[in-house]
N, C-alpha and C. Protein backbone atom coordinates (compact mmCIF):
# COMPACT_ATOMS: atom_id res chain seq x y z
N MET A 1 4.64 14.16 -13.59
CA MET A 1 5.15 13.28 -12.38
C MET A 1 4.61 12.28 -11.54
N SER A 2 5.38 10.80 -12.29
CA SER A 2 4.73 10.11 -11.42
C SER A 2 4.95 10.22 -10.02
N LYS A 3 3.86 9.38 -9.17
CA LYS A 3 3.65 9.65 -7.54
C LYS A 3 4.57 8.75 -7.10
N SER A 4 5.29 8.98 -6.02
CA SER A 4 6.36 8.45 -5.54
C SER A 4 5.74 6.41 -5.01
N ILE A 5 6.87 5.94 -4.93
CA ILE A 5 6.99 4.41 -4.43
C ILE A 5 5.71 4.61 -2.86
N ASN A 6 6.57 5.52 -2.24
CA ASN A 6 5.61 5.28 -0.34
C ASN A 6 4.57 5.81 -1.26
N TYR A 7 3.37 6.38 -2.41
CA TYR A 7 2.56 6.35 -1.97
C TYR A 7 1.79 5.27 -2.60
N HIS A 8 2.06 5.11 -3.48
CA HIS A 8 1.60 2.90 -4.36
C HIS A 8 2.25 2.11 -3.21
N LEU A 9 3.33 2.03 -2.11
CA LEU A 9 3.56 0.97 -0.92
C LEU A 9 1.56 1.00 -0.29
N GLY A 10 1.71 2.41 0.67
CA GLY A 10 0.48 2.92 0.81
C GLY A 10 -1.14 2.26 0.38
N GLN A 11 -1.03 3.20 -0.33
CA GLN A 11 -1.91 2.60 -1.36
C GLN A 11 -2.81 0.70 -1.08
N CYS A 12 -1.22 -0.16 -1.64
CA CYS A 12 -1.14 -1.46 -1.48
C CYS A 12 -1.58 -1.23 -0.34
N VAL A 13 -1.29 -0.55 0.90
CA VAL A 13 -1.38 -1.33 2.20
C VAL A 13 -2.77 -1.49 2.65
N LYS A 14 -3.23 -0.40 1.83
CA LYS A 14 -4.80 0.06 2.43
C LYS A 14 -5.77 -0.14 2.28
N GLU A 15 -5.16 -0.66 0.76
CA GLU A 15 -6.69 -1.74 0.31
C GLU A 15 -6.42 -2.98 1.20
N LEU A 16 -5.39 -3.04 0.58
CA LEU A 16 -5.10 -4.67 1.21
C LEU A 16 -6.10 -5.00 3.24
N ARG A 17 -5.44 -3.69 3.65
CA ARG A 17 -6.12 -3.87 5.20
C ARG A 17 -7.70 -3.59 5.66
N ARG A 18 -7.74 -2.67 4.10
CA ARG A 18 -9.88 -3.07 3.86
C ARG A 18 -10.17 -4.52 3.73
N GLU A 19 -9.47 -5.07 2.64
CA GLU A 19 -9.70 -6.33 2.14
C GLU A 19 -10.23 -7.35 3.48
N LYS A 20 -9.20 -6.63 4.65
CA LYS A 20 -9.11 -8.00 5.77
C LYS A 20 -9.97 -7.70 6.02
N GLY A 21 -11.00 -6.35 6.09
CA GLY A 21 -11.74 -5.50 7.04
C GLY A 21 -11.67 -5.40 8.28
N LEU A 22 -10.14 -4.77 8.55
CA LEU A 22 -9.37 -4.41 9.32
C LEU A 22 -9.73 -2.39 9.37
N THR A 23 -10.43 -2.24 10.70
CA THR A 23 -10.10 -0.09 10.82
C THR A 23 -8.19 0.38 10.91
N GLN A 24 -7.67 1.46 11.30
CA GLN A 24 -6.53 2.08 10.76
C GLN A 24 -6.00 1.35 12.14
N VAL A 25 -6.72 1.84 13.50
CA VAL A 25 -6.17 1.96 14.52
C VAL A 25 -6.71 0.00 15.14
N GLU A 26 -7.44 -0.89 14.60
CA GLU A 26 -6.94 -2.50 14.67
C GLU A 26 -5.71 -2.59 14.09
N PHE A 27 -6.03 -2.40 12.98
CA PHE A 27 -4.82 -2.88 12.00
C PHE A 27 -3.22 -1.73 12.77
N SER A 28 -3.32 -0.91 13.31
CA SER A 28 -1.80 -0.30 13.76
C SER A 28 -1.67 -1.37 14.97
N GLU A 29 -2.31 -1.11 15.40
CA GLU A 29 -2.17 -2.68 17.39
C GLU A 29 -1.67 -4.05 16.79
N ARG A 30 -1.96 -4.36 15.41
CA ARG A 30 -1.82 -5.31 15.31
C ARG A 30 -0.26 -5.34 14.96
N CYS A 31 -0.29 -4.36 13.82
CA CYS A 31 1.15 -3.68 14.03
C CYS A 31 2.66 -3.70 15.46
N GLY A 32 1.54 -3.11 15.47
CA GLY A 32 2.19 -1.86 17.01
C GLY A 32 2.85 -1.03 16.96
N PHE A 33 2.18 -0.50 16.01
CA PHE A 33 2.85 1.36 15.95
C PHE A 33 1.78 2.07 15.94
N TYR A 34 1.18 3.61 16.48
CA TYR A 34 1.04 4.23 15.78
C TYR A 34 -0.11 4.40 15.60
N GLN A 35 -1.42 5.05 15.43
CA GLN A 35 -2.42 4.95 14.54
C GLN A 35 -2.30 5.77 13.72
N THR A 36 -1.92 7.46 14.17
CA THR A 36 -0.51 8.67 13.04
C THR A 36 0.28 7.70 12.22
N TYR A 37 1.05 7.30 13.05
CA TYR A 37 2.58 7.01 11.84
C TYR A 37 1.17 5.39 10.76
N LEU A 38 1.19 4.53 10.53
CA LEU A 38 0.30 4.16 9.97
C LEU A 38 -0.53 5.24 8.83
N SER A 39 -1.66 5.63 9.13
CA SER A 39 -1.83 7.01 8.17
C SER A 39 -1.30 7.61 7.56
N ARG A 40 -0.05 7.48 7.47
CA ARG A 40 1.24 8.90 7.32
C ARG A 40 1.28 7.44 6.01
N ILE A 41 1.92 5.99 6.39
CA ILE A 41 2.27 4.49 5.75
C ILE A 41 1.35 5.22 4.18
N GLU A 42 0.08 4.65 4.84
CA GLU A 42 -1.25 4.78 3.85
C GLU A 42 -1.13 5.76 3.42
N ASN A 43 -0.82 7.32 3.32
CA ASN A 43 -1.00 8.35 3.16
C ASN A 43 0.46 8.23 1.69
N GLY A 44 0.88 7.87 2.03
CA GLY A 44 2.39 8.23 1.42
C GLY A 44 3.11 8.55 2.15
N LEU A 45 3.23 9.42 2.51
CA LEU A 45 3.60 10.65 3.33
C LEU A 45 4.35 10.14 4.50
N SER A 46 4.82 8.62 4.51
CA SER A 46 5.89 8.36 5.18
C SER A 46 6.86 7.28 5.00
N ASN A 47 8.53 7.43 4.95
CA ASN A 47 9.33 6.23 4.79
C ASN A 47 9.39 5.64 5.47
N PRO A 48 8.75 4.42 5.58
CA PRO A 48 8.76 3.69 6.24
C PRO A 48 10.20 2.71 6.21
N THR A 49 10.73 2.34 7.04
CA THR A 49 11.71 1.14 7.29
C THR A 49 11.61 0.03 6.22
N ILE A 50 12.45 -1.14 6.46
CA ILE A 50 11.86 -1.95 5.17
C ILE A 50 11.47 -3.17 6.66
N ASN A 51 12.56 -3.08 7.71
CA ASN A 51 11.67 -3.21 8.65
C ASN A 51 10.27 -3.61 9.01
N ALA A 52 10.10 -2.09 9.40
CA ALA A 52 8.82 -1.75 8.86
C ALA A 52 7.85 -2.47 8.13
N ILE A 53 7.90 -2.72 6.79
CA ILE A 53 7.52 -3.35 5.96
C ILE A 53 7.32 -4.29 5.98
N GLU A 54 8.37 -4.69 6.51
CA GLU A 54 8.32 -5.99 7.42
C GLU A 54 7.02 -6.13 8.05
N ILE A 55 6.82 -5.62 8.96
CA ILE A 55 6.21 -6.23 10.12
C ILE A 55 4.44 -5.59 9.40
N VAL A 56 4.32 -4.59 8.11
CA VAL A 56 2.86 -4.77 8.27
C VAL A 56 2.65 -5.58 7.32
N ALA A 57 3.52 -5.90 6.48
CA ALA A 57 3.41 -7.26 5.65
C ALA A 57 2.80 -8.91 6.82
N ASN A 58 3.22 -8.70 7.37
CA ASN A 58 3.36 -9.83 8.20
C ASN A 58 2.16 -10.02 8.81
N ALA A 59 1.64 -8.42 9.12
CA ALA A 59 0.35 -8.60 9.90
C ALA A 59 -0.79 -8.47 8.98
N LEU A 60 -0.33 -8.87 7.34
CA LEU A 60 -1.67 -8.74 6.21
C LEU A 60 -1.56 -9.96 6.55
N GLU A 61 -0.98 -10.34 6.83
CA GLU A 61 0.10 -12.09 6.80
C GLU A 61 0.09 -12.84 5.06
N MET A 62 1.56 -12.63 4.93
CA MET A 62 1.77 -11.88 3.75
C MET A 62 3.07 -11.68 3.44
N SER A 63 4.56 -12.15 2.95
CA SER A 63 5.79 -11.12 3.07
C SER A 63 5.86 -10.24 2.53
N VAL A 64 6.36 -9.58 2.25
CA VAL A 64 7.42 -8.52 1.68
C VAL A 64 7.36 -8.79 0.53
N TYR A 65 7.93 -9.98 -0.42
CA TYR A 65 7.99 -9.99 -1.26
C TYR A 65 6.64 -10.01 -1.84
N ASP A 66 6.08 -10.50 -1.22
CA ASP A 66 3.88 -11.14 -1.58
C ASP A 66 3.74 -9.26 -1.94
N LEU A 67 4.15 -8.33 -0.22
CA LEU A 67 3.45 -7.02 -0.89
C LEU A 67 3.23 -5.95 -1.68
N PHE A 68 5.16 -6.50 -2.35
CA PHE A 68 6.40 -5.91 -3.68
C PHE A 68 5.46 -6.44 -5.05
N GLU A 69 4.66 -7.45 -5.24
CA GLU A 69 4.59 -8.35 -5.73
C GLU A 69 3.17 -7.83 -5.87
N PHE A 70 2.37 -7.78 -5.24
CA PHE A 70 1.33 -7.26 -4.97
C PHE A 70 0.98 -5.45 -5.63
N MET A 71 2.40 -4.73 -5.11
CA MET A 71 2.63 -3.22 -5.29
C MET A 71 2.93 -3.52 -7.58
N LYS A 72 3.13 -4.52 -7.90
CA LYS A 72 3.74 -4.54 -8.97
C LYS A 72 2.77 -4.16 -10.16
N MET A 73 1.57 -5.48 -8.88
CA MET A 73 -0.15 -6.00 -10.44
C MET A 73 -0.35 -4.80 -10.11
N ALA A 74 -0.56 -4.03 -9.12
CA ALA A 74 -1.49 -2.55 -9.01
C ALA A 74 -0.92 -2.21 -10.32
N GLU A 75 0.48 -1.98 -9.67
CA GLU A 75 1.12 -0.14 -10.79
C GLU A 75 0.85 -0.87 -12.47
N SER A 76 0.32 -2.23 -12.64
CA SER A 76 0.81 -2.52 -14.20
C SER A 76 -0.84 -1.89 -14.32
N LYS A 77 -1.67 -2.50 -13.44
CA LYS A 77 -2.66 -2.36 -13.38
C LYS A 77 -3.67 -0.98 -13.66
N ARG A 78 -2.87 -0.14 -12.81
CA ARG A 78 -2.91 1.17 -13.37
C ARG A 78 -2.64 1.35 -14.58
N LYS A 79 -1.04 2.05 -14.94
CA LYS A 79 -0.92 1.68 -16.14
C LYS A 79 -1.90 0.89 -17.27
N LYS A 80 -3.06 -0.30 -17.28
CA LYS A 80 -3.47 -0.40 -18.78
C LYS A 80 -4.76 1.08 -18.48
N GLN A 81 -5.08 0.94 -16.87
CA GLN A 81 -6.44 1.81 -16.95
C GLN A 81 -5.72 2.88 -17.39
N GLY A 82 -5.03 3.50 -17.54
CA GLY A 82 -4.62 5.02 -18.03
C GLY A 82 -4.24 5.28 -19.61
N LEU A 83 -3.96 3.85 -19.84
CA LEU A 83 -3.94 3.72 -21.83
C LEU A 83 -5.21 3.61 -22.52
N ILE A 84 -5.90 2.72 -21.27
CA ILE A 84 -7.19 2.59 -21.87
C ILE A 84 -7.92 3.58 -22.58
N HIS A 85 -8.01 5.08 -20.97
CA HIS A 85 -8.37 5.76 -20.71
C HIS A 85 -8.12 7.12 -21.87
N LYS A 86 -6.90 6.93 -22.14
CA LYS A 86 -5.80 8.10 -23.49
C LYS A 86 -6.69 7.88 -24.09
N ILE A 87 -6.92 6.43 -24.63
CA ILE A 87 -6.87 5.72 -25.79
C ILE A 87 -8.79 6.03 -25.85
N SER A 88 -8.91 6.36 -25.77
CA SER A 88 -10.86 6.65 -25.55
C SER A 88 -11.07 8.15 -25.56
N LYS A 89 -10.06 8.62 -24.97
CA LYS A 89 -10.18 10.57 -24.67
C LYS A 89 -9.76 10.43 -26.89
N LYS A 90 -9.39 9.50 -27.78
CA LYS A 90 -9.57 10.38 -28.82
C LYS A 90 -10.01 10.13 -29.80
C-alpha cells in the first residue's frame, strides 16, 4: 500500500524547511503553530486543513500551488528511483 498524501506533504514540508535552514521551532514560530503540530504535519500524522497548508506554504515563501507542484515532482522522482531499483534487482 502506498503512503498517504499526508505523509508525502509532510516529507516535502520537512525537506523545504531544512533547505531554508530553519529548525522546527523557528518554522513553527514563523507559521504561528505549536512545534508539536508542525512535527505531526512533517511526520504525516496530521491532516492539516487547506488553510493550514496555505500558512505553511506562505512561511516557505511559496504558494500552495507551488508546494503541491513540489510534491508532484518529488513523487515522480520517487517513482523513477523505485523503477530503477526494481530493474537493478533483476
